[in-house]
């Protein structure tokens, strides 16, 4: 393993997803030198490599574009995976963003004497090449832009290792074609879990989904109405309207195993970062029996899954749509102010983006892609003022 001499710049950005690209573009716009480190071999790897085929953005174009470059008018109102990745590629080209790929950051520590961040990253060579190089980078400013969706989270379930069928995370799921006629359990009732369940049912799989906690279900139109009303009404007022609309459209889903939370959808998003489920047809499948709703998983024995209510079913495959965790605190040293142990901001919004000693975070406040763009603009402006 070889260690190379440190490369210096004004700012280091860790992460080449939308947040990192937005930060790079804003720094470039203000003529601030930077280095962008990305552990994968491409930008926006989550979108290019780890999302399912049918995925679309849930918010309209104006709420999904990055700073300084609108989404082209011919694109769909709700961008497909292909459209969004094309937009990000064009965005990187327009602002001359050239990440250093295959750079897995292993340590980032602030040197108080030098007044700089020292970053060490391990380079993964091509597949089959065992050579690894540890490279050093140094900068006055460090931006954590690794995203909310960083590392796949797998829950601990008794007996999971004994399961005889196929087990995969939502990041490994592409479409339901190979599951036609098979019995598939989806664990997780967020947007990914609900949409993967719909996709499986559309391909003819015998689909079940675990819904452990109360969830809000809205349509795209309802969500858009809520966003428009943000300029005029309080969150409680907006939530009252959205809950009424949801009840009119979807009715009482408690008979199918789905409860509504006590707090409203926009309030929960603001307080806890918990997104409402945007329904694209899953509810219809649940109501007509094509998708079965089940409670939490208690244990697994062979192909049998035992649920918390005592019921037991056999499955050919399990898809874990259980979200993500962040490994930031494994490599970020000496920060006791900006990010918590889960890699999310400790300061409350809107003061979440700036730490101490030139440390920043972008896109970690659970305020969507648009919010990440606002973070990027604030960070670049602040760095410019300090320089």
Protein backbone atom coordinates (compact mmCIF):
# COMPACT_ATOMS: atom_id res chain seq x y z
CA UNK A 1 0.00 0.00 0.00
CA UNK A 2 1.50 3.31 -1.12
CA UNK A 3 0.91 6.74 0.46
CA UNK A 4 1.25 9.78 -1.76
CA UNK A 5 2.05 13.41 -0.94
CA UNK A 6 -0.89 15.62 0.08
CA UNK A 7 -2.58 17.79 -2.53
CA UNK A 8 -3.70 21.26 -1.35
CA UNK A 9 -6.73 23.34 -2.29
CA UNK A 10 -9.15 25.85 -0.75
CA UNK A 11 -12.04 23.44 -0.18
CA UNK A 12 -12.56 19.69 -0.20
CA UNK A 13 -16.01 18.27 -0.98
CA UNK A 14 -16.73 14.68 0.05
CA UNK A 15 -19.47 13.13 -2.08
CA UNK A 16 -20.33 13.33 -5.78
CA UNK A 17 -24.12 13.15 -5.61
CA UNK A 18 -26.49 16.09 -6.21
CA UNK A 19 -25.37 17.85 -2.99
CA UNK A 20 -21.69 17.60 -3.85
CA UNK A 21 -22.27 18.66 -7.45
CA UNK A 22 -24.32 21.67 -6.33
CA UNK A 23 -21.59 22.73 -3.90
CA UNK A 24 -18.91 22.31 -6.56
CA UNK A 25 -20.91 24.39 -9.05
CA UNK A 26 -21.44 27.21 -6.53
CA UNK A 27 -17.76 27.24 -5.56
CA UNK A 28 -16.76 27.27 -9.22
CA UNK A 29 -19.20 30.11 -9.91
CA UNK A 30 -17.37 32.18 -7.27
CA UNK A 31 -13.93 31.10 -8.57
CA UNK A 32 -13.07 29.15 -5.42
CA UNK A 33 -10.68 26.22 -6.00
CA UNK A 34 -11.86 22.85 -4.70
CA UNK A 35 -11.36 19.11 -4.92
CA UNK A 36 -14.34 16.75 -5.04
CA UNK A 37 -13.75 13.22 -3.73
CA UNK A 38 -16.18 10.42 -4.69
CA UNK A 39 -15.83 6.83 -3.51
CA UNK A 40 -17.65 5.33 -6.52
CA UNK A 41 -16.57 5.39 -10.18
CA UNK A 42 -19.21 7.92 -11.32
CA UNK A 43 -21.20 10.91 -10.13
CA UNK A 44 -24.64 10.36 -8.60
CA UNK A 45 -23.96 6.66 -8.07
CA UNK A 46 -27.18 6.17 -6.09
CA UNK A 47 -29.20 7.24 -9.12
CA UNK A 48 -27.05 5.53 -11.71
CA UNK A 49 -26.35 2.22 -9.98
CA UNK A 50 -28.51 1.69 -6.90
CA UNK A 51 -32.08 2.65 -7.78
CA UNK A 52 -34.86 0.57 -9.33
CA UNK A 53 -35.86 1.04 -12.96
CA UNK A 54 -39.25 2.71 -12.49
CA UNK A 55 -38.10 5.36 -10.01
CA UNK A 56 -39.10 8.99 -10.67
CA UNK A 57 -38.60 12.15 -8.64
CA UNK A 58 -41.64 12.79 -6.45
CA UNK A 59 -41.44 16.59 -6.71
CA UNK A 60 -41.97 18.69 -9.82
CA UNK A 61 -39.08 20.19 -11.76
CA UNK A 62 -38.89 23.57 -9.96
CA UNK A 63 -38.37 21.75 -6.65
CA UNK A 64 -35.81 19.30 -8.05
CA UNK A 65 -33.27 21.44 -9.87
CA UNK A 66 -29.82 22.44 -8.68
CA UNK A 67 -28.51 26.03 -8.42
CA UNK A 68 -27.57 28.03 -11.51
CA UNK A 69 -29.04 25.60 -14.05
CA UNK A 70 -32.77 24.98 -14.55
CA UNK A 71 -34.04 21.57 -15.63
CA UNK A 72 -34.77 21.72 -19.39
CA UNK A 73 -38.42 22.34 -20.33
CA UNK A 74 -38.80 19.18 -22.50
CA UNK A 75 -38.14 16.97 -19.46
CA UNK A 76 -41.08 15.31 -17.70
CA UNK A 77 -42.86 17.14 -14.88
CA UNK A 78 -41.59 14.39 -12.57
CA UNK A 79 -38.17 13.39 -13.84
CA UNK A 80 -37.43 9.75 -14.56
CA UNK A 81 -34.21 8.15 -13.45
CA UNK A 82 -32.77 8.53 -16.97
CA UNK A 83 -33.76 12.20 -17.21
CA UNK A 84 -32.37 13.09 -13.80
CA UNK A 85 -29.03 11.37 -14.41
CA UNK A 86 -28.77 13.10 -17.80
CA UNK A 87 -29.47 16.44 -16.10
CA UNK A 88 -26.74 15.74 -13.52
CA UNK A 89 -24.26 14.75 -16.25
CA UNK A 90 -25.01 17.99 -18.12
CA UNK A 91 -24.73 19.93 -14.87
CA UNK A 92 -21.27 18.52 -14.17
CA UNK A 93 -20.18 19.31 -17.73
CA UNK A 94 -21.50 22.86 -17.64
CA UNK A 95 -19.57 23.76 -14.49
CA UNK A 96 -16.48 21.72 -15.34
CA UNK A 97 -16.90 19.45 -12.34
CA UNK A 98 -14.29 16.69 -12.47
CA UNK A 99 -14.40 14.55 -9.32
CA UNK A 100 -11.55 12.32 -8.29
CA UNK A 101 -13.27 8.94 -8.38
CA UNK A 102 -12.70 5.80 -6.30
CA UNK A 103 -11.61 7.89 -3.33
CA UNK A 104 -12.95 6.33 -0.11
CA UNK A 105 -12.28 8.86 2.64
CA UNK A 106 -10.82 7.12 5.69
CA UNK A 107 -9.95 10.10 7.88
CA UNK A 108 -10.54 13.85 7.99
CA UNK A 109 -9.01 15.78 10.88
CA UNK A 110 -8.55 19.47 11.59
CA UNK A 111 -5.02 20.70 12.28
CA UNK A 112 -5.43 23.67 14.62
CA UNK A 113 -1.82 24.79 14.22
CA UNK A 114 -1.94 24.88 10.42
CA UNK A 115 -5.61 25.90 10.32
CA UNK A 116 -6.35 23.22 7.73
CA UNK A 117 -8.24 19.97 7.26
CA UNK A 118 -6.11 16.93 6.50
CA UNK A 119 -7.99 14.26 4.58
CA UNK A 120 -6.80 10.76 3.76
CA UNK A 121 -8.55 8.73 1.07
CA UNK A 122 -7.96 5.18 -0.11
CA UNK A 123 -7.96 4.64 -3.86
CA UNK A 124 -9.60 1.49 -5.18
CA UNK A 125 -8.01 0.48 -8.46
CA UNK A 126 -9.71 -1.43 -11.23
CA UNK A 127 -11.41 -4.74 -10.41
CA UNK A 128 -8.81 -7.46 -10.01
CA UNK A 129 -6.04 -5.01 -9.18
CA UNK A 130 -5.03 -5.35 -5.54
CA UNK A 131 -2.91 -2.18 -5.54
CA UNK A 132 -4.23 0.46 -3.15
CA UNK A 133 -2.95 3.97 -2.68
CA UNK A 134 -3.58 6.20 0.34
CA UNK A 135 -3.62 9.80 -0.83
CA UNK A 136 -3.59 12.91 1.31
CA UNK A 137 -5.50 16.13 0.70
CA UNK A 138 -5.33 19.41 2.58
CA UNK A 139 -7.71 22.38 2.62
CA UNK A 140 -8.95 25.26 4.73
CA UNK A 141 -12.57 24.18 4.25
CA UNK A 142 -14.26 20.78 4.29
CA UNK A 143 -17.78 20.07 2.99
CA UNK A 144 -19.53 16.82 3.92
CA UNK A 145 -21.89 16.14 1.00
CA UNK A 146 -22.25 12.39 1.33
CA UNK A 147 -26.05 12.54 1.30
CA UNK A 148 -28.85 11.14 3.44
CA UNK A 149 -28.75 7.89 1.43
CA UNK A 150 -25.18 6.84 2.02
CA UNK A 151 -24.91 3.18 3.11
CA UNK A 152 -27.63 0.53 2.88
CA UNK A 153 -29.17 -0.30 6.25
CA UNK A 154 -29.94 -3.94 7.07
CA UNK A 155 -32.05 -4.61 10.18
CA UNK A 156 -31.16 -7.37 12.61
CA UNK A 157 -33.87 -10.07 12.51
CA UNK A 158 -33.71 -13.33 14.36
CA UNK A 159 -33.14 -16.20 11.95
CA UNK A 160 -32.50 -14.07 8.86
CA UNK A 161 -29.39 -16.09 8.05
CA UNK A 162 -31.54 -19.22 7.84
CA UNK A 163 -33.79 -17.84 5.09
CA UNK A 164 -33.69 -20.20 2.10
CA UNK A 165 -34.80 -17.73 -0.57
CA UNK A 166 -33.28 -14.62 -2.13
CA UNK A 167 -32.55 -11.65 0.14
CA UNK A 168 -31.75 -8.22 -1.28
CA UNK A 169 -31.76 -4.56 -0.31
CA UNK A 170 -33.75 -1.99 -2.28
CA UNK A 171 -30.42 -0.71 -3.67
CA UNK A 172 -30.01 -4.11 -5.37
CA UNK A 173 -33.56 -4.29 -6.76
CA UNK A 174 -34.08 -3.31 -10.41
CA UNK A 175 -37.52 -4.67 -11.38
CA UNK A 176 -39.93 -7.49 -10.62
CA UNK A 177 -39.55 -9.46 -13.84
CA UNK A 178 -37.71 -12.44 -12.29
CA UNK A 179 -40.21 -12.61 -9.40
CA UNK A 180 -43.30 -13.35 -11.50
CA UNK A 181 -45.43 -15.97 -9.74
CA UNK A 182 -43.19 -15.94 -6.66
CA UNK A 183 -44.12 -14.91 -3.13
CA UNK A 184 -42.15 -11.80 -2.15
CA UNK A 185 -42.06 -9.88 1.15
CA UNK A 186 -41.07 -6.21 1.14
CA UNK A 187 -39.85 -4.96 4.52
CA UNK A 188 -40.26 -1.20 4.83
CA UNK A 189 -43.19 1.06 4.02
CA UNK A 190 -41.48 4.26 2.92
CA UNK A 191 -41.64 5.45 -0.68
CA UNK A 192 -39.16 2.83 -1.90
CA UNK A 193 -40.97 -0.03 -0.18
CA UNK A 194 -44.38 1.05 -1.45
CA UNK A 195 -43.16 1.55 -5.01
CA UNK A 196 -41.19 -1.71 -5.12
CA UNK A 197 -44.34 -3.50 -3.86
CA UNK A 198 -46.31 -1.93 -6.70
CA UNK A 199 -43.66 -2.93 -9.22
CA UNK A 200 -43.63 -6.53 -7.95
CA UNK A 201 -47.42 -6.75 -8.11
CA UNK A 202 -47.39 -5.36 -11.66
CA UNK A 203 -45.00 -8.15 -12.66
CA UNK A 204 -47.29 -10.78 -11.18
CA UNK A 205 -45.50 -11.49 -7.91
CA UNK A 206 -47.53 -12.49 -4.85
CA UNK A 207 -46.59 -9.39 -2.92
CA UNK A 208 -46.71 -8.58 0.80
CA UNK A 209 -45.41 -5.46 2.54
CA UNK A 210 -44.52 -4.89 6.20
CA UNK A 211 -46.08 -1.71 7.63
CA UNK A 212 -44.97 -1.35 11.24
CA UNK A 213 -45.67 2.33 11.93
CA UNK A 214 -48.44 4.80 11.01
CA UNK A 215 -47.82 6.53 7.66
CA UNK A 216 -49.30 9.41 5.70
CA UNK A 217 -50.27 8.64 2.11
CA UNK A 218 -50.59 11.50 -0.37
CA UNK A 219 -50.80 11.78 -4.14
CA UNK A 220 -48.34 13.82 -6.18
CA UNK A 221 -51.06 16.45 -6.70
CA UNK A 222 -51.70 16.72 -2.95
CA UNK A 223 -47.99 17.18 -2.28
CA UNK A 224 -47.74 19.86 -4.95
CA UNK A 225 -50.75 21.69 -3.49
CA UNK A 226 -49.10 21.56 -0.07
CA UNK A 227 -45.87 23.05 -1.41
CA UNK A 228 -47.75 25.87 -3.10
CA UNK A 229 -49.64 26.65 0.12
CA UNK A 230 -46.40 26.98 2.12
CA UNK A 231 -46.26 30.64 1.07
CA UNK A 232 -49.65 31.42 2.57
CA UNK A 233 -50.56 29.02 5.40
CA UNK A 234 -49.01 27.45 8.50
CA UNK A 235 -47.92 23.80 8.51
CA UNK A 236 -50.90 22.87 10.71
CA UNK A 237 -53.34 24.51 8.29
CA UNK A 238 -51.73 22.83 5.29
CA UNK A 239 -51.76 19.46 7.04
CA UNK A 240 -55.47 19.80 7.85
CA UNK A 241 -56.19 20.31 4.15
CA UNK A 242 -53.93 17.44 3.04
CA UNK A 243 -55.37 14.98 5.58
CA UNK A 244 -58.88 15.85 4.45
CA UNK A 245 -57.89 15.32 0.81
CA UNK A 246 -56.18 12.02 1.67
CA UNK A 247 -59.27 10.75 3.49
CA UNK A 248 -61.49 11.66 0.52
CA UNK A 249 -59.24 9.90 -1.99
CA UNK A 250 -58.00 6.87 -0.03
CA UNK A 251 -60.67 6.44 2.65
CA UNK A 252 -60.04 4.52 5.88
CA UNK A 253 -57.03 2.25 5.33
CA UNK A 254 -56.98 0.91 8.89
CA UNK A 255 -58.99 -2.13 7.79
CA UNK A 256 -56.05 -2.99 5.51
CA UNK A 257 -53.45 -2.55 8.28
CA UNK A 258 -52.43 1.06 7.62
CA UNK A 259 -52.89 3.73 10.31
CA UNK A 260 -52.50 7.51 9.98
CA UNK A 261 -50.11 9.28 12.39
CA UNK A 262 -51.43 11.78 14.91
CA UNK A 263 -49.22 14.55 13.51
CA UNK A 264 -49.66 15.92 9.99
CA UNK A 265 -47.49 15.01 6.97
CA UNK A 266 -45.72 18.35 6.46
CA UNK A 267 -45.19 18.81 10.22
CA UNK A 268 -43.60 15.33 10.46
CA UNK A 269 -41.39 16.11 7.50
CA UNK A 270 -40.30 19.37 9.15
CA UNK A 271 -39.77 17.93 12.66
CA UNK A 272 -38.40 14.45 11.98
CA UNK A 273 -37.44 14.42 8.30
CA UNK A 274 -40.03 11.67 7.76
CA UNK A 275 -41.41 11.82 4.23
CA UNK A 276 -45.07 11.03 3.49
CA UNK A 277 -45.67 8.15 1.08
CA UNK A 278 -46.43 9.41 -2.43
CA UNK A 279 -48.93 6.93 -3.83
CA UNK A 280 -48.52 5.90 -7.47
CA UNK A 281 -51.05 3.06 -7.42
CA UNK A 282 -49.99 0.94 -4.45
CA UNK A 283 -53.14 1.75 -2.45
CA UNK A 284 -55.36 0.44 -5.23
CA UNK A 285 -53.40 -2.82 -5.26
CA UNK A 286 -53.73 -3.08 -1.47
CA UNK A 287 -57.48 -2.53 -1.62
CA UNK A 288 -58.03 -5.11 -4.37
CA UNK A 289 -55.92 -7.71 -2.57
CA UNK A 290 -52.95 -7.72 -4.95
CA UNK A 291 -50.68 -6.50 -2.13
CA UNK A 292 -51.05 -7.84 1.41
CA UNK A 293 -50.15 -5.60 4.37
CA UNK A 294 -48.44 -7.36 7.30
CA UNK A 295 -47.15 -6.19 10.72
CA UNK A 296 -43.54 -6.21 11.88
CA UNK A 297 -41.33 -9.29 11.43
CA UNK A 298 -40.59 -11.20 14.63
CA UNK A 299 -38.34 -13.96 13.30
CA UNK A 300 -37.47 -16.08 10.28
CA UNK A 301 -37.16 -19.85 10.06
CA UNK A 302 -36.19 -21.28 6.66
CA UNK A 303 -38.67 -19.79 4.19
CA UNK A 304 -41.20 -19.11 6.94
CA UNK A 305 -41.51 -15.59 8.31
CA UNK A 306 -43.22 -15.16 11.69
CA UNK A 307 -44.87 -11.78 12.30
CA UNK A 308 -45.52 -9.85 15.49
CA UNK A 309 -49.22 -10.75 15.49
CA UNK A 310 -48.37 -14.46 15.45
CA UNK A 311 -49.17 -15.11 11.79
CA UNK A 312 -46.73 -17.05 9.65
CA UNK A 313 -46.22 -17.05 5.88
CA UNK A 314 -43.77 -18.62 3.46
CA UNK A 315 -41.81 -16.46 0.97
CA UNK A 316 -39.47 -17.03 -1.95
CA UNK A 317 -37.71 -13.69 -1.56
CA UNK A 318 -37.38 -10.74 0.83
CA UNK A 319 -36.62 -7.18 -0.27
CA UNK A 320 -35.40 -4.88 2.49
CA UNK A 321 -36.51 -1.31 1.75
CA UNK A 322 -35.20 -0.29 5.13
CA UNK A 323 -33.38 2.87 4.17
CA UNK A 324 -29.86 4.00 4.84
CA UNK A 325 -27.30 4.85 7.48
CA UNK A 326 -24.35 7.21 7.27
CA UNK A 327 -20.74 6.30 8.03
CA UNK A 328 -19.52 9.90 8.30
CA UNK A 329 -18.54 9.75 11.96
CA UNK A 330 -16.26 6.79 11.26
CA UNK A 331 -13.89 9.06 9.35
CA UNK A 332 -14.69 12.62 10.49
CA UNK A 333 -12.50 13.28 13.53
CA UNK A 334 -12.82 15.97 16.18
CA UNK A 335 -16.26 17.32 15.25
CA UNK A 336 -18.54 17.59 18.28
CA UNK A 337 -20.76 20.37 16.96
CA UNK A 338 -22.05 19.86 13.42
CA UNK A 339 -22.94 16.19 12.90
CA UNK A 340 -24.34 13.60 15.31
CA UNK A 341 -23.39 9.92 15.49
CA UNK A 342 -25.84 9.15 12.67
CA UNK A 343 -24.14 11.68 10.40
CA UNK A 344 -27.00 14.20 10.47
CA UNK A 345 -26.81 17.87 11.58
CA UNK A 346 -27.10 18.68 15.29
CA UNK A 347 -27.86 22.40 14.83
CA UNK A 348 -31.50 22.91 13.92
CA UNK A 349 -32.62 24.14 10.52
CA UNK A 350 -31.84 26.66 9.03
CA UNK A 351 -28.51 26.82 10.89
CA UNK A 352 -27.62 23.21 10.15
CA UNK A 353 -25.13 23.74 7.35
CA UNK A 354 -22.18 25.43 9.11
CA UNK A 355 -19.91 23.94 11.75
CA UNK A 356 -16.62 25.12 13.24
CA UNK A 357 -13.11 25.42 11.78
CA UNK A 358 -14.35 25.62 8.19
CA UNK A 359 -16.52 22.50 8.36
CA UNK A 360 -19.81 22.45 6.44
CA UNK A 361 -22.48 19.97 5.40
CA UNK A 362 -24.67 20.05 2.31
CA UNK A 363 -27.86 18.11 1.65
CA UNK A 364 -28.18 16.53 5.10
CA UNK A 365 -31.12 18.54 6.48
CA UNK A 366 -33.76 16.31 4.84
CA UNK A 367 -35.02 19.25 2.80
CA UNK A 368 -34.97 17.49 -0.60
CA UNK A 369 -32.71 18.24 -3.57
CA UNK A 370 -33.87 21.86 -3.60
CA UNK A 371 -32.77 22.23 0.02
CA UNK A 372 -29.36 20.81 -0.84
CA UNK A 373 -29.03 23.53 -3.48
CA UNK A 374 -29.75 26.21 -0.90
CA UNK A 375 -27.09 24.68 1.38
CA UNK A 376 -24.58 24.77 -1.46
CA UNK A 377 -25.21 28.45 -2.17
CA UNK A 378 -24.87 29.40 1.51
CA UNK A 379 -21.65 27.41 1.85
CA UNK A 380 -20.03 28.93 -1.22
CA UNK A 381 -21.02 32.47 -0.20
CA UNK A 382 -19.66 31.93 3.32
CA UNK A 383 -16.36 30.52 2.07
CA UNK A 384 -15.98 33.43 -0.36
CA UNK A 385 -16.49 35.92 2.46
CA UNK A 386 -13.92 34.16 4.65
CA UNK A 387 -11.38 34.06 1.84
